[in-house]
PDB file of N, CA and C in Angstrom:
ATOM      1  N   MET A   1     147.547 277.270 287.864  1.00  0.00           N
ATOM      2  CA  MET A   1     148.154 276.916 286.614  1.00  0.00           C
ATOM      3  C   MET A   1     149.301 275.943 286.809  1.00  0.00           C
ATOM      4  N   SER A   2     150.045 276.081 287.867  1.00  0.00           N
ATOM      5  CA  SER A   2     151.163 275.172 288.094  1.00  0.00           C
ATOM      6  C   SER A   2     150.661 273.761 288.363  1.00  0.00           C
ATOM      7  N   SER A   3     149.417 273.612 288.857  1.00  0.00           N
ATOM      8  CA  SER A   3     148.890 272.282 289.127  1.00  0.00           C
ATOM      9  C   SER A   3     148.595 271.529 287.821  1.00  0.00           C
ATOM     10  N   ASP A   4     148.296 272.254 286.733  1.00  0.00           N
ATOM     11  CA  ASP A   4     148.036 271.599 285.457  1.00  0.00           C
ATOM     12  C   ASP A   4     149.298 270.946 284.902  1.00  0.00           C
ATOM     13  N   LEU A   5     150.452 271.548 285.155  1.00  0.00           N
ATOM     14  CA  LEU A   5     151.688 271.007 284.625  1.00  0.00           C
ATOM     15  C   LEU A   5     152.139 269.771 285.369  1.00  0.00           C
ATOM     16  N   SER A   6     151.768 269.630 286.624  1.00  0.00           N
ATOM     17  CA  SER A   6     152.227 268.503 287.422  1.00  0.00           C
ATOM     18  C   SER A   6     151.354 267.267 287.231  1.00  0.00           C
ATOM     19  N   GLU A   7     150.182 267.386 286.658  1.00  0.00           N
ATOM     20  CA  GLU A   7     149.311 266.228 286.463  1.00  0.00           C
ATOM     21  C   GLU A   7     149.839 265.361 285.329  1.00  0.00           C
ATOM     22  N   PRO A   8     149.793 264.036 285.479  1.00  0.00           N
ATOM     23  CA  PRO A   8     150.254 263.163 284.404  1.00  0.00           C
ATOM     24  C   PRO A   8     149.266 263.216 283.218  1.00  0.00           C
ATOM     25  N   VAL A   9     149.813 263.087 282.053  1.00  0.00           N
ATOM     26  CA  VAL A   9     149.004 263.145 280.838  1.00  0.00           C
ATOM     27  C   VAL A   9     148.888 261.732 280.278  1.00  0.00           C
ATOM     28  N   ASP A  10     147.665 261.323 279.972  1.00  0.00           N
ATOM     29  CA  ASP A  10     147.423 259.994 279.415  1.00  0.00           C
ATOM     30  C   ASP A  10     147.673 260.037 277.909  1.00  0.00           C
ATOM     31  N   PRO A  11     148.624 259.262 277.365  1.00  0.00           N
ATOM     32  CA  PRO A  11     148.918 259.315 275.928  1.00  0.00           C
ATOM     33  C   PRO A  11     147.740 258.857 275.064  1.00  0.00           C
ATOM     34  N   GLN A  12     146.933 257.900 275.552  1.00  0.00           N
ATOM     35  CA  GLN A  12     145.785 257.441 274.777  1.00  0.00           C
ATOM     36  C   GLN A  12     144.755 258.546 274.631  1.00  0.00           C
ATOM     37  N   GLN A  13     144.598 259.369 275.648  1.00  0.00           N
ATOM     38  CA  GLN A  13     143.646 260.470 275.606  1.00  0.00           C
ATOM     39  C   GLN A  13     144.095 261.525 274.587  1.00  0.00           C
ATOM     40  N   ASP A  14     145.413 261.774 274.481  1.00  0.00           N
ATOM     41  CA  ASP A  14     145.932 262.736 273.506  1.00  0.00           C
ATOM     42  C   ASP A  14     145.704 262.256 272.077  1.00  0.00           C
ATOM     43  N   LYS A  15     145.852 260.942 271.845  1.00  0.00           N
ATOM     44  CA  LYS A  15     145.631 260.405 270.506  1.00  0.00           C
ATOM     45  C   LYS A  15     144.171 260.536 270.093  1.00  0.00           C
ATOM     46  N   ALA A  16     143.270 260.327 271.033  1.00  0.00           N
ATOM     47  CA  ALA A  16     141.845 260.429 270.716  1.00  0.00           C
ATOM     48  C   ALA A  16     141.452 261.876 270.455  1.00  0.00           C
ATOM     49  N   ALA A  17     142.086 262.805 271.154  1.00  0.00           N
ATOM     50  CA  ALA A  17     141.739 264.212 270.997  1.00  0.00           C
ATOM     51  C   ALA A  17     142.360 264.813 269.745  1.00  0.00           C
ATOM     52  N   ALA A  18     143.483 264.264 269.307  1.00  0.00           N
ATOM     53  CA  ALA A  18     144.161 264.811 268.130  1.00  0.00           C
ATOM     54  C   ALA A  18     143.351 264.466 266.878  1.00  0.00           C
ATOM     55  N   PRO A  19     143.240 265.417 265.961  1.00  0.00           N
ATOM     56  CA  PRO A  19     142.492 265.126 264.733  1.00  0.00           C
ATOM     57  C   PRO A  19     143.256 264.106 263.889  1.00  0.00           C
ATOM     58  N   SER A  20     142.517 263.187 263.301  1.00  0.00           N
ATOM     59  CA  SER A  20     143.165 262.162 262.483  1.00  0.00           C
ATOM     60  C   SER A  20     143.522 262.760 261.127  1.00  0.00           C
ATOM     61  N   ALA A  21     144.500 262.173 260.493  1.00  0.00           N
ATOM     62  CA  ALA A  21     144.932 262.650 259.179  1.00  0.00           C
ATOM     63  C   ALA A  21     143.836 262.356 258.161  1.00  0.00           C
ATOM     64  N   PRO A  22     143.601 263.277 257.222  1.00  0.00           N
ATOM     65  CA  PRO A  22     142.560 263.019 256.229  1.00  0.00           C
ATOM     66  C   PRO A  22     142.947 261.834 255.345  1.00  0.00           C
ATOM     67  N   ALA A  23     141.946 261.145 254.880  1.00  0.00           N
ATOM     68  CA  ALA A  23     142.198 259.998 254.010  1.00  0.00           C
ATOM     69  C   ALA A  23     142.824 260.487 252.708  1.00  0.00           C
ATOM     70  N   PRO A  24     143.776 259.736 252.168  1.00  0.00           N
ATOM     71  CA  PRO A  24     144.402 260.181 250.921  1.00  0.00           C
ATOM     72  C   PRO A  24     143.373 260.222 249.794  1.00  0.00           C
ATOM     73  N   ALA A  25     143.449 261.256 248.973  1.00  0.00           N
ATOM     74  CA  ALA A  25     142.509 261.422 247.875  1.00  0.00           C
ATOM     75  C   ALA A  25     142.845 260.433 246.769  1.00  0.00           C
ATOM     76  N   MET A  26     141.819 260.020 246.052  1.00  0.00           N
ATOM     77  CA  MET A  26     142.030 259.110 244.929  1.00  0.00           C
ATOM     78  C   MET A  26     142.748 259.869 243.820  1.00  0.00           C
ATOM     79  N   PRO A  27     143.741 259.258 243.202  1.00  0.00           N
ATOM     80  CA  PRO A  27     144.450 259.949 242.113  1.00  0.00           C
ATOM     81  C   PRO A  27     143.544 260.063 240.888  1.00  0.00           C
ATOM     82  N   LEU A  28     143.798 261.097 240.108  1.00  0.00           N
ATOM     83  CA  LEU A  28     143.046 261.306 238.878  1.00  0.00           C
ATOM     84  C   LEU A  28     143.529 260.311 237.834  1.00  0.00           C
ATOM     85  N   THR A  29     142.601 259.545 237.276  1.00  0.00           N
ATOM     86  CA  THR A  29     142.952 258.569 236.257  1.00  0.00           C
ATOM     87  C   THR A  29     142.483 259.055 234.897  1.00  0.00           C
ATOM     88  N   ARG A  30     142.987 258.439 233.852  1.00  0.00           N
ATOM     89  CA  ARG A  30     142.562 258.808 232.502  1.00  0.00           C
ATOM     90  C   ARG A  30     141.089 258.492 232.293  1.00  0.00           C
ATOM     91  N   ALA A  31     140.648 257.370 232.838  1.00  0.00           N
ATOM     92  CA  ALA A  31     139.237 256.997 232.694  1.00  0.00           C
ATOM     93  C   ALA A  31     138.343 258.007 233.410  1.00  0.00           C
ATOM     94  N   GLY A  32     138.760 258.459 234.581  1.00  0.00           N
ATOM     95  CA  GLY A  32     137.987 259.457 235.312  1.00  0.00           C
ATOM     96  C   GLY A  32     137.944 260.785 234.583  1.00  0.00           C
ATOM     97  N   ALA A  33     139.075 261.176 234.013  1.00  0.00           N
ATOM     98  CA  ALA A  33     139.120 262.427 233.254  1.00  0.00           C
ATOM     99  C   ALA A  33     138.270 262.317 232.000  1.00  0.00           C
ATOM    100  N   LEU A  34     138.308 261.156 231.335  1.00  0.00           N
ATOM    101  CA  LEU A  34     137.486 260.950 230.149  1.00  0.00           C
ATOM    102  C   LEU A  34     136.008 261.015 230.493  1.00  0.00           C
ATOM    103  N   TRP A  35     135.634 260.399 231.604  1.00  0.00           N
ATOM    104  CA  TRP A  35     134.241 260.415 232.032  1.00  0.00           C
ATOM    105  C   TRP A  35     133.789 261.848 232.313  1.00  0.00           C
ATOM    106  N   SER A  36     134.605 262.630 232.983  1.00  0.00           N
ATOM    107  CA  SER A  36     134.264 264.027 233.263  1.00  0.00           C
ATOM    108  C   SER A  36     134.147 264.827 231.972  1.00  0.00           C
ATOM    109  N   ALA A  37     135.048 264.576 231.031  1.00  0.00           N
ATOM    110  CA  ALA A  37     134.992 265.286 229.747  1.00  0.00           C
ATOM    111  C   ALA A  37     133.737 264.908 228.968  1.00  0.00           C
ATOM    112  N   LEU A  38     133.345 263.655 229.010  1.00  0.00           N
ATOM    113  CA  LEU A  38     132.126 263.228 228.326  1.00  0.00           C
ATOM    114  C   LEU A  38     130.892 263.900 228.918  1.00  0.00           C
ATOM    115  N   ILE A  39     130.827 263.961 230.227  1.00  0.00           N
ATOM    116  CA  ILE A  39     129.686 264.611 230.872  1.00  0.00           C
ATOM    117  C   ILE A  39     129.650 266.091 230.513  1.00  0.00           C
ATOM    118  N   GLY A  40     130.800 266.756 230.560  1.00  0.00           N
ATOM    119  CA  GLY A  40     130.868 268.171 230.174  1.00  0.00           C
ATOM    120  C   GLY A  40     130.481 268.378 228.721  1.00  0.00           C
ATOM    121  N   GLY A  41     130.949 267.490 227.849  1.00  0.00           N
ATOM    122  CA  GLY A  41     130.601 267.586 226.435  1.00  0.00           C
ATOM    123  C   GLY A  41     129.113 267.418 226.190  1.00  0.00           C
ATOM    124  N   PHE A  42     128.496 266.463 226.879  1.00  0.00           N
ATOM    125  CA  PHE A  42     127.056 266.276 226.722  1.00  0.00           C
ATOM    126  C   PHE A  42     126.265 267.478 227.232  1.00  0.00           C
ATOM    127  N   LEU A  43     126.743 268.104 228.305  1.00  0.00           N
ATOM    128  CA  LEU A  43     126.062 269.302 228.802  1.00  0.00           C
ATOM    129  C   LEU A  43     126.152 270.439 227.783  1.00  0.00           C
ATOM    130  N   VAL A  44     127.312 270.593 227.145  1.00  0.00           N
ATOM    131  CA  VAL A  44     127.469 271.620 226.112  1.00  0.00           C
ATOM    132  C   VAL A  44     126.556 271.316 224.928  1.00  0.00           C
ATOM    133  N   LEU A  45     126.464 270.047 224.526  1.00  0.00           N
ATOM    134  CA  LEU A  45     125.592 269.675 223.420  1.00  0.00           C
ATOM    135  C   LEU A  45     124.124 269.954 223.728  1.00  0.00           C
ATOM    136  N   ILE A  46     123.720 269.730 224.965  1.00  0.00           N
ATOM    137  CA  ILE A  46     122.336 270.027 225.353  1.00  0.00           C
ATOM    138  C   ILE A  46     122.067 271.518 225.244  1.00  0.00           C
ATOM    139  N   VAL A  47     123.005 272.332 225.722  1.00  0.00           N
ATOM    140  CA  VAL A  47     122.842 273.787 225.635  1.00  0.00           C
ATOM    141  C   VAL A  47     122.783 274.222 224.169  1.00  0.00           C
ATOM    142  N   LEU A  48     123.641 273.655 223.314  1.00  0.00           N
ATOM    143  CA  LEU A  48     123.616 273.997 221.889  1.00  0.00           C
ATOM    144  C   LEU A  48     122.312 273.563 221.224  1.00  0.00           C
ATOM    145  N   LEU A  49     121.803 272.406 221.599  1.00  0.00           N
ATOM    146  CA  LEU A  49     120.536 271.943 221.047  1.00  0.00           C
ATOM    147  C   LEU A  49     119.399 272.889 221.414  1.00  0.00           C
ATOM    148  N   VAL A  50     119.372 273.327 222.652  1.00  0.00           N
ATOM    149  CA  VAL A  50     118.349 274.291 223.082  1.00  0.00           C
ATOM    150  C   VAL A  50     118.500 275.597 222.315  1.00  0.00           C
ATOM    151  N   PHE A  51     119.737 276.060 222.125  1.00  0.00           N
ATOM    152  CA  PHE A  51     119.988 277.302 221.394  1.00  0.00           C
ATOM    153  C   PHE A  51     119.484 277.208 219.960  1.00  0.00           C
ATOM    154  N   VAL A  52     119.811 276.112 219.280  1.00  0.00           N
ATOM    155  CA  VAL A  52     119.418 275.966 217.879  1.00  0.00           C
ATOM    156  C   VAL A  52     117.901 275.845 217.752  1.00  0.00           C
ATOM    157  N   THR A  53     117.265 275.102 218.642  1.00  0.00           N
ATOM    158  CA  THR A  53     115.812 274.942 218.543  1.00  0.00           C
ATOM    159  C   THR A  53     115.054 276.220 218.884  1.00  0.00           C
ATOM    160  N   GLN A  54     115.641 277.105 219.675  1.00  0.00           N
ATOM    161  CA  GLN A  54     114.961 278.356 220.004  1.00  0.00           C
ATOM    162  C   GLN A  54     115.202 279.449 218.969  1.00  0.00           C
ATOM    163  N   ASN A  55     116.178 279.272 218.091  1.00  0.00           N
ATOM    164  CA  ASN A  55     116.510 280.276 217.073  1.00  0.00           C
ATOM    165  C   ASN A  55     116.299 279.678 215.686  1.00  0.00           C
ATOM    166  N   THR A  56     115.035 279.488 215.320  1.00  0.00           N
ATOM    167  CA  THR A  56     114.726 278.826 214.050  1.00  0.00           C
ATOM    168  C   THR A  56     114.316 279.793 212.949  1.00  0.00           C
ATOM    169  N   ALA A  57     114.338 281.085 213.205  1.00  0.00           N
ATOM    170  CA  ALA A  57     113.952 282.060 212.175  1.00  0.00           C
ATOM    171  C   ALA A  57     114.961 282.009 211.030  1.00  0.00           C
ATOM    172  N   GLN A  58     114.495 282.009 209.807  1.00  0.00           N
ATOM    173  CA  GLN A  58     115.358 281.955 208.628  1.00  0.00           C
ATOM    174  C   GLN A  58     116.064 283.296 208.424  1.00  0.00           C
ATOM    175  N   VAL A  59     117.354 283.232 208.115  1.00  0.00           N
ATOM    176  CA  VAL A  59     118.117 284.438 207.800  1.00  0.00           C
ATOM    177  C   VAL A  59     118.779 284.237 206.442  1.00  0.00           C
ATOM    178  N   ALA A  60     118.861 285.323 205.692  1.00  0.00           N
ATOM    179  CA  ALA A  60     119.510 285.272 204.377  1.00  0.00           C
ATOM    180  C   ALA A  60     120.990 285.575 204.552  1.00  0.00           C
ATOM    181  N   LEU A  61     121.829 284.720 204.009  1.00  0.00           N
ATOM    182  CA  LEU A  61     123.275 284.884 204.103  1.00  0.00           C
ATOM    183  C   LEU A  61     123.839 285.082 202.702  1.00  0.00           C
ATOM    184  N   THR A  62     124.815 285.970 202.601  1.00  0.00           N
ATOM    185  CA  THR A  62     125.469 286.236 201.324  1.00  0.00           C
ATOM    186  C   THR A  62     126.970 286.234 201.535  1.00  0.00           C
ATOM    187  N   PHE A  63     127.679 285.495 200.681  1.00  0.00           N
ATOM    188  CA  PHE A  63     129.139 285.462 200.716  1.00  0.00           C
ATOM    189  C   PHE A  63     129.628 285.513 199.279  1.00  0.00           C
ATOM    190  N   LEU A  64     130.289 286.590 198.951  1.00  0.00           N
ATOM    191  CA  LEU A  64     130.745 286.856 197.595  1.00  0.00           C
ATOM    192  C   LEU A  64     129.557 286.765 196.637  1.00  0.00           C
ATOM    193  N   VAL A  65     129.482 285.736 195.832  1.00  0.00           N
ATOM    194  CA  VAL A  65     128.365 285.650 194.879  1.00  0.00           C
ATOM    195  C   VAL A  65     127.315 284.629 195.313  1.00  0.00           C
ATOM    196  N   TRP A  66     127.582 283.907 196.391  1.00  0.00           N
ATOM    197  CA  TRP A  66     126.638 282.890 196.840  1.00  0.00           C
ATOM    198  C   TRP A  66     125.625 283.489 197.799  1.00  0.00           C
ATOM    199  N   GLN A  67     124.398 283.006 197.710  1.00  0.00           N
ATOM    200  CA  GLN A  67     123.334 283.420 198.629  1.00  0.00           C
ATOM    201  C   GLN A  67     122.566 282.176 199.063  1.00  0.00           C
ATOM    202  N   TRP A  68     122.247 282.111 200.324  1.00  0.00           N
ATOM    203  CA  TRP A  68     121.446 281.006 200.843  1.00  0.00           C
ATOM    204  C   TRP A  68     120.771 281.451 202.120  1.00  0.00           C
ATOM    205  N   SER A  69     119.841 280.652 202.613  1.00  0.00           N
ATOM    206  CA  SER A  69     119.173 280.977 203.874  1.00  0.00           C
ATOM    207  C   SER A  69     119.255 279.760 204.794  1.00  0.00           C
ATOM    208  N   LEU A  70     119.446 280.049 206.046  1.00  0.00           N
ATOM    209  CA  LEU A  70     119.556 279.027 207.093  1.00  0.00           C
ATOM    210  C   LEU A  70     118.819 279.514 208.332  1.00  0.00           C
ATOM    211  N   PRO A  71     118.440 278.600 209.220  1.00  0.00           N
ATOM    212  CA  PRO A  71     117.954 279.048 210.525  1.00  0.00           C
ATOM    213  C   PRO A  71     119.069 279.789 211.275  1.00  0.00           C
ATOM    214  N   LEU A  72     118.697 280.797 212.021  1.00  0.00           N
ATOM    215  CA  LEU A  72     119.685 281.635 212.717  1.00  0.00           C
ATOM    216  C   LEU A  72     120.587 280.815 213.626  1.00  0.00           C
ATOM    217  N   GLY A  73     120.016 279.908 214.399  1.00  0.00           N
ATOM    218  CA  GLY A  73     120.815 279.094 215.319  1.00  0.00           C
ATOM    219  C   GLY A  73     121.845 278.256 214.595  1.00  0.00           C
ATOM    220  N   VAL A  74     121.454 277.674 213.458  1.00  0.00           N
ATOM    221  CA  VAL A  74     122.380 276.857 212.676  1.00  0.00           C
ATOM    222  C   VAL A  74     123.486 277.728 212.086  1.00  0.00           C
ATOM    223  N   ALA A  75     123.135 278.914 211.609  1.00  0.00           N
ATOM    224  CA  ALA A  75     124.139 279.816 211.028  1.00  0.00           C
ATOM    225  C   ALA A  75     125.179 280.223 212.071  1.00  0.00           C
ATOM    226  N   ILE A  76     124.744 280.566 213.264  1.00  0.00           N
ATOM    227  CA  ILE A  76     125.687 280.965 214.317  1.00  0.00           C
ATOM    228  C   ILE A  76     126.536 279.772 214.744  1.00  0.00           C
ATOM    229  N   LEU A  77     125.922 278.598 214.839  1.00  0.00           N
ATOM    230  CA  LEU A  77     126.665 277.397 215.213  1.00  0.00           C
ATOM    231  C   LEU A  77     127.723 277.061 214.162  1.00  0.00           C
ATOM    232  N   LEU A  78     127.376 277.151 212.887  1.00  0.00           N
ATOM    233  CA  LEU A  78     128.349 276.907 211.822  1.00  0.00           C
ATOM    234  C   LEU A  78     129.488 277.929 211.849  1.00  0.00           C
ATOM    235  N   ALA A  79     129.175 279.166 212.136  1.00  0.00           N
ATOM    236  CA  ALA A  79     130.219 280.196 212.234  1.00  0.00           C
ATOM    237  C   ALA A  79     131.175 279.885 213.385  1.00  0.00           C
ATOM    238  N   ALA A  80     130.639 279.444 214.507  1.00  0.00           N
ATOM    239  CA  ALA A  80     131.487 279.095 215.652  1.00  0.00           C
ATOM    240  C   ALA A  80     132.360 277.891 215.338  1.00  0.00           C
ATOM    241  N   ILE A  81     131.808 276.895 214.657  1.00  0.00           N
ATOM    242  CA  ILE A  81     132.585 275.712 214.288  1.00  0.00           C
ATOM    243  C   ILE A  81     133.702 276.091 213.318  1.00  0.00           C
ATOM    244  N   CYS A  82     133.396 276.930 212.327  1.00  0.00           N
ATOM    245  CA  CYS A  82     134.426 277.381 211.386  1.00  0.00           C
ATOM    246  C   CYS A  82     135.528 278.154 212.097  1.00  0.00           C
ATOM    247  N   GLY A  83     135.165 279.000 213.031  1.00  0.00           N
ATOM    248  CA  GLY A  83     136.165 279.734 213.803  1.00  0.00           C
ATOM    249  C   GLY A  83     137.042 278.806 214.617  1.00  0.00           C
ATOM    250  N   GLY A  84     136.453 277.778 215.221  1.00  0.00           N
ATOM    251  CA  GLY A  84     137.233 276.802 215.978  1.00  0.00           C
ATOM    252  C   GLY A  84     138.185 276.012 215.095  1.00  0.00           C
ATOM    253  N   LEU A  85     137.716 275.651 213.896  1.00  0.00           N
ATOM    254  CA  LEU A  85     138.582 274.923 212.964  1.00  0.00           C
ATOM    255  C   LEU A  85     139.754 275.777 212.493  1.00  0.00           C
ATOM    256  N   ILE A  86     139.501 277.044 212.216  1.00  0.00           N
ATOM    257  CA  ILE A  86     140.587 277.946 211.813  1.00  0.00           C
ATOM    258  C   ILE A  86     141.612 278.081 212.939  1.00  0.00           C
ATOM    259  N   THR A  87     141.129 278.209 214.175  1.00  0.00           N
ATOM    260  CA  THR A  87     142.024 278.302 215.323  1.00  0.00           C
ATOM    261  C   THR A  87     142.848 277.036 215.472  1.00  0.00           C
ATOM    262  N   ALA A  88     142.232 275.874 215.286  1.00  0.00           N
ATOM    263  CA  ALA A  88     142.954 274.602 215.387  1.00  0.00           C
ATOM    264  C   ALA A  88     144.009 274.483 214.290  1.00  0.00           C
ATOM    265  N   LEU A  89     143.700 274.931 213.078  1.00  0.00           N
ATOM    266  CA  LEU A  89     144.678 274.874 211.987  1.00  0.00           C
ATOM    267  C   LEU A  89     145.885 275.764 212.265  1.00  0.00           C
ATOM    268  N   VAL A  90     145.631 276.968 212.757  1.00  0.00           N
ATOM    269  CA  VAL A  90     146.733 277.881 213.078  1.00  0.00           C
ATOM    270  C   VAL A  90     147.573 277.306 214.218  1.00  0.00           C
ATOM    271  N   GLY A  91     146.915 276.742 215.221  1.00  0.00           N
ATOM    272  CA  GLY A  91     147.645 276.127 216.330  1.00  0.00           C
ATOM    273  C   GLY A  91     148.485 274.944 215.882  1.00  0.00           C
ATOM    274  N   THR A  92     147.939 274.125 214.986  1.00  0.00           N
ATOM    275  CA  THR A  92     148.688 272.988 214.460  1.00  0.00           C
ATOM    276  C   THR A  92     149.916 273.448 213.683  1.00  0.00           C
ATOM    277  N   ALA A  93     149.751 274.481 212.877  1.00  0.00           N
ATOM    278  CA  ALA A  93     150.896 275.013 212.129  1.00  0.00           C
ATOM    279  C   ALA A  93     151.976 275.515 213.091  1.00  0.00           C
ATOM    280  N   ARG A  94     151.571 276.162 214.162  1.00  0.00           N
ATOM    281  CA  ARG A  94     152.545 276.675 215.139  1.00  0.00           C
ATOM    282  C   ARG A  94     153.255 275.530 215.856  1.00  0.00           C
ATOM    283  N   ILE A  95     152.543 274.452 216.167  1.00  0.00           N
ATOM    284  CA  ILE A  95     153.166 273.299 216.831  1.00  0.00           C
ATOM    285  C   ILE A  95     154.214 272.677 215.918  1.00  0.00           C
ATOM    286  N   PHE A  96     153.885 272.507 214.624  1.00  0.00           N
ATOM    287  CA  PHE A  96     154.866 271.974 213.685  1.00  0.00           C
ATOM    288  C   PHE A  96     156.089 272.882 213.579  1.00  0.00           C
ATOM    289  N   GLN A  97     155.865 274.177 213.582  1.00  0.00           N
ATOM    290  CA  GLN A  97     156.968 275.129 213.505  1.00  0.00           C
ATOM    291  C   GLN A  97     157.869 274.997 214.734  1.00  0.00           C
ATOM    292  N   LEU A  98     157.288 274.880 215.917  1.00  0.00           N
ATOM    293  CA  LEU A  98     158.079 274.746 217.140  1.00  0.00           C
ATOM    294  C   LEU A  98     158.820 273.414 217.190  1.00  0.00           C
ATOM    295  N   ARG A  99     158.200 272.330 216.704  1.00  0.00           N
ATOM    296  CA  ARG A  99     158.875 271.036 216.674  1.00  0.00           C
ATOM    297  C   ARG A  99     160.082 271.066 215.742  1.00  0.00           C
ATOM    298  N   ARG A 100     159.904 271.687 214.588  1.00  0.00           N
ATOM    299  CA  ARG A 100     161.010 271.790 213.631  1.00  0.00           C
ATOM    300  C   ARG A 100     162.162 272.587 214.253  1.00  0.00           C
ATOM    301  N   ALA A 101     161.832 273.676 214.941  1.00  0.00           N
ATOM    302  CA  ALA A 101     162.879 274.477 215.581  1.00  0.00           C
ATOM    303  C   ALA A 101     163.562 273.693 216.704  1.00  0.00           C
ATOM    304  N   ALA A 102     162.806 272.894 217.441  1.00  0.00           N
ATOM    305  CA  ALA A 102     163.391 272.103 218.529  1.00  0.00           C
ATOM    306  C   ALA A 102     164.321 271.020 217.975  1.00  0.00           C
ATOM    307  N   LYS A 103     163.932 270.390 216.866  1.00  0.00           N
ATOM    308  CA  LYS A 103     164.794 269.371 216.255  1.00  0.00           C
ATOM    309  C   LYS A 103     166.104 269.985 215.756  1.00  0.00           C
ATOM    310  N   LYS A 104     166.022 271.178 215.162  1.00  0.00           N
ATOM    311  CA  LYS A 104     167.238 271.857 214.689  1.00  0.00           C
ATOM    312  C   LYS A 104     168.143 272.227 215.853  1.00  0.00           C
ATOM    313  N   ALA A 105     167.564 272.590 216.974  1.00  0.00           N
ATOM    314  CA  ALA A 105     168.353 272.982 218.145  1.00  0.00           C
ATOM    315  C   ALA A 105     169.069 271.779 218.766  1.00  0.00           C
ATOM    316  N   LEU A 106     168.508 270.568 218.616  1.00  0.00           N
ATOM    317  CA  LEU A 106     169.125 269.365 219.179  1.00  0.00           C
ATOM    318  C   LEU A 106     170.284 268.853 218.330  1.00  0.00           C
ATOM    319  N   ARG A 107     170.350 269.235 217.073  1.00  0.00           N
ATOM    320  CA  ARG A 107     171.423 268.744 216.182  1.00  0.00           C
ATOM    321  C   ARG A 107     172.720 269.412 216.443  1.00  0.00           C
TER     322      ARG A 107
END
């Protein structure tokens, strides 16, 4: 073991043996994020299209005094869209409330 310490070490050999630093990753850009969101959105639309086309049985819907019939897939899709819109409206109201409170706190 003592003989290993006395041998000269070649610096070029150490550089070749040392792992090189990984290449820097490309930063996330808005265009890249938009492209990823578009691809994800299209995949969701394809899944929804398959869902609606596989659920075409007519269902009778009643709300208060109104009655109508729709395909099951369309009815569920409309219910989900209405729920999302209600959630967005409540969220928007909360954002306005927080902005108003923040403006009052700055005065």
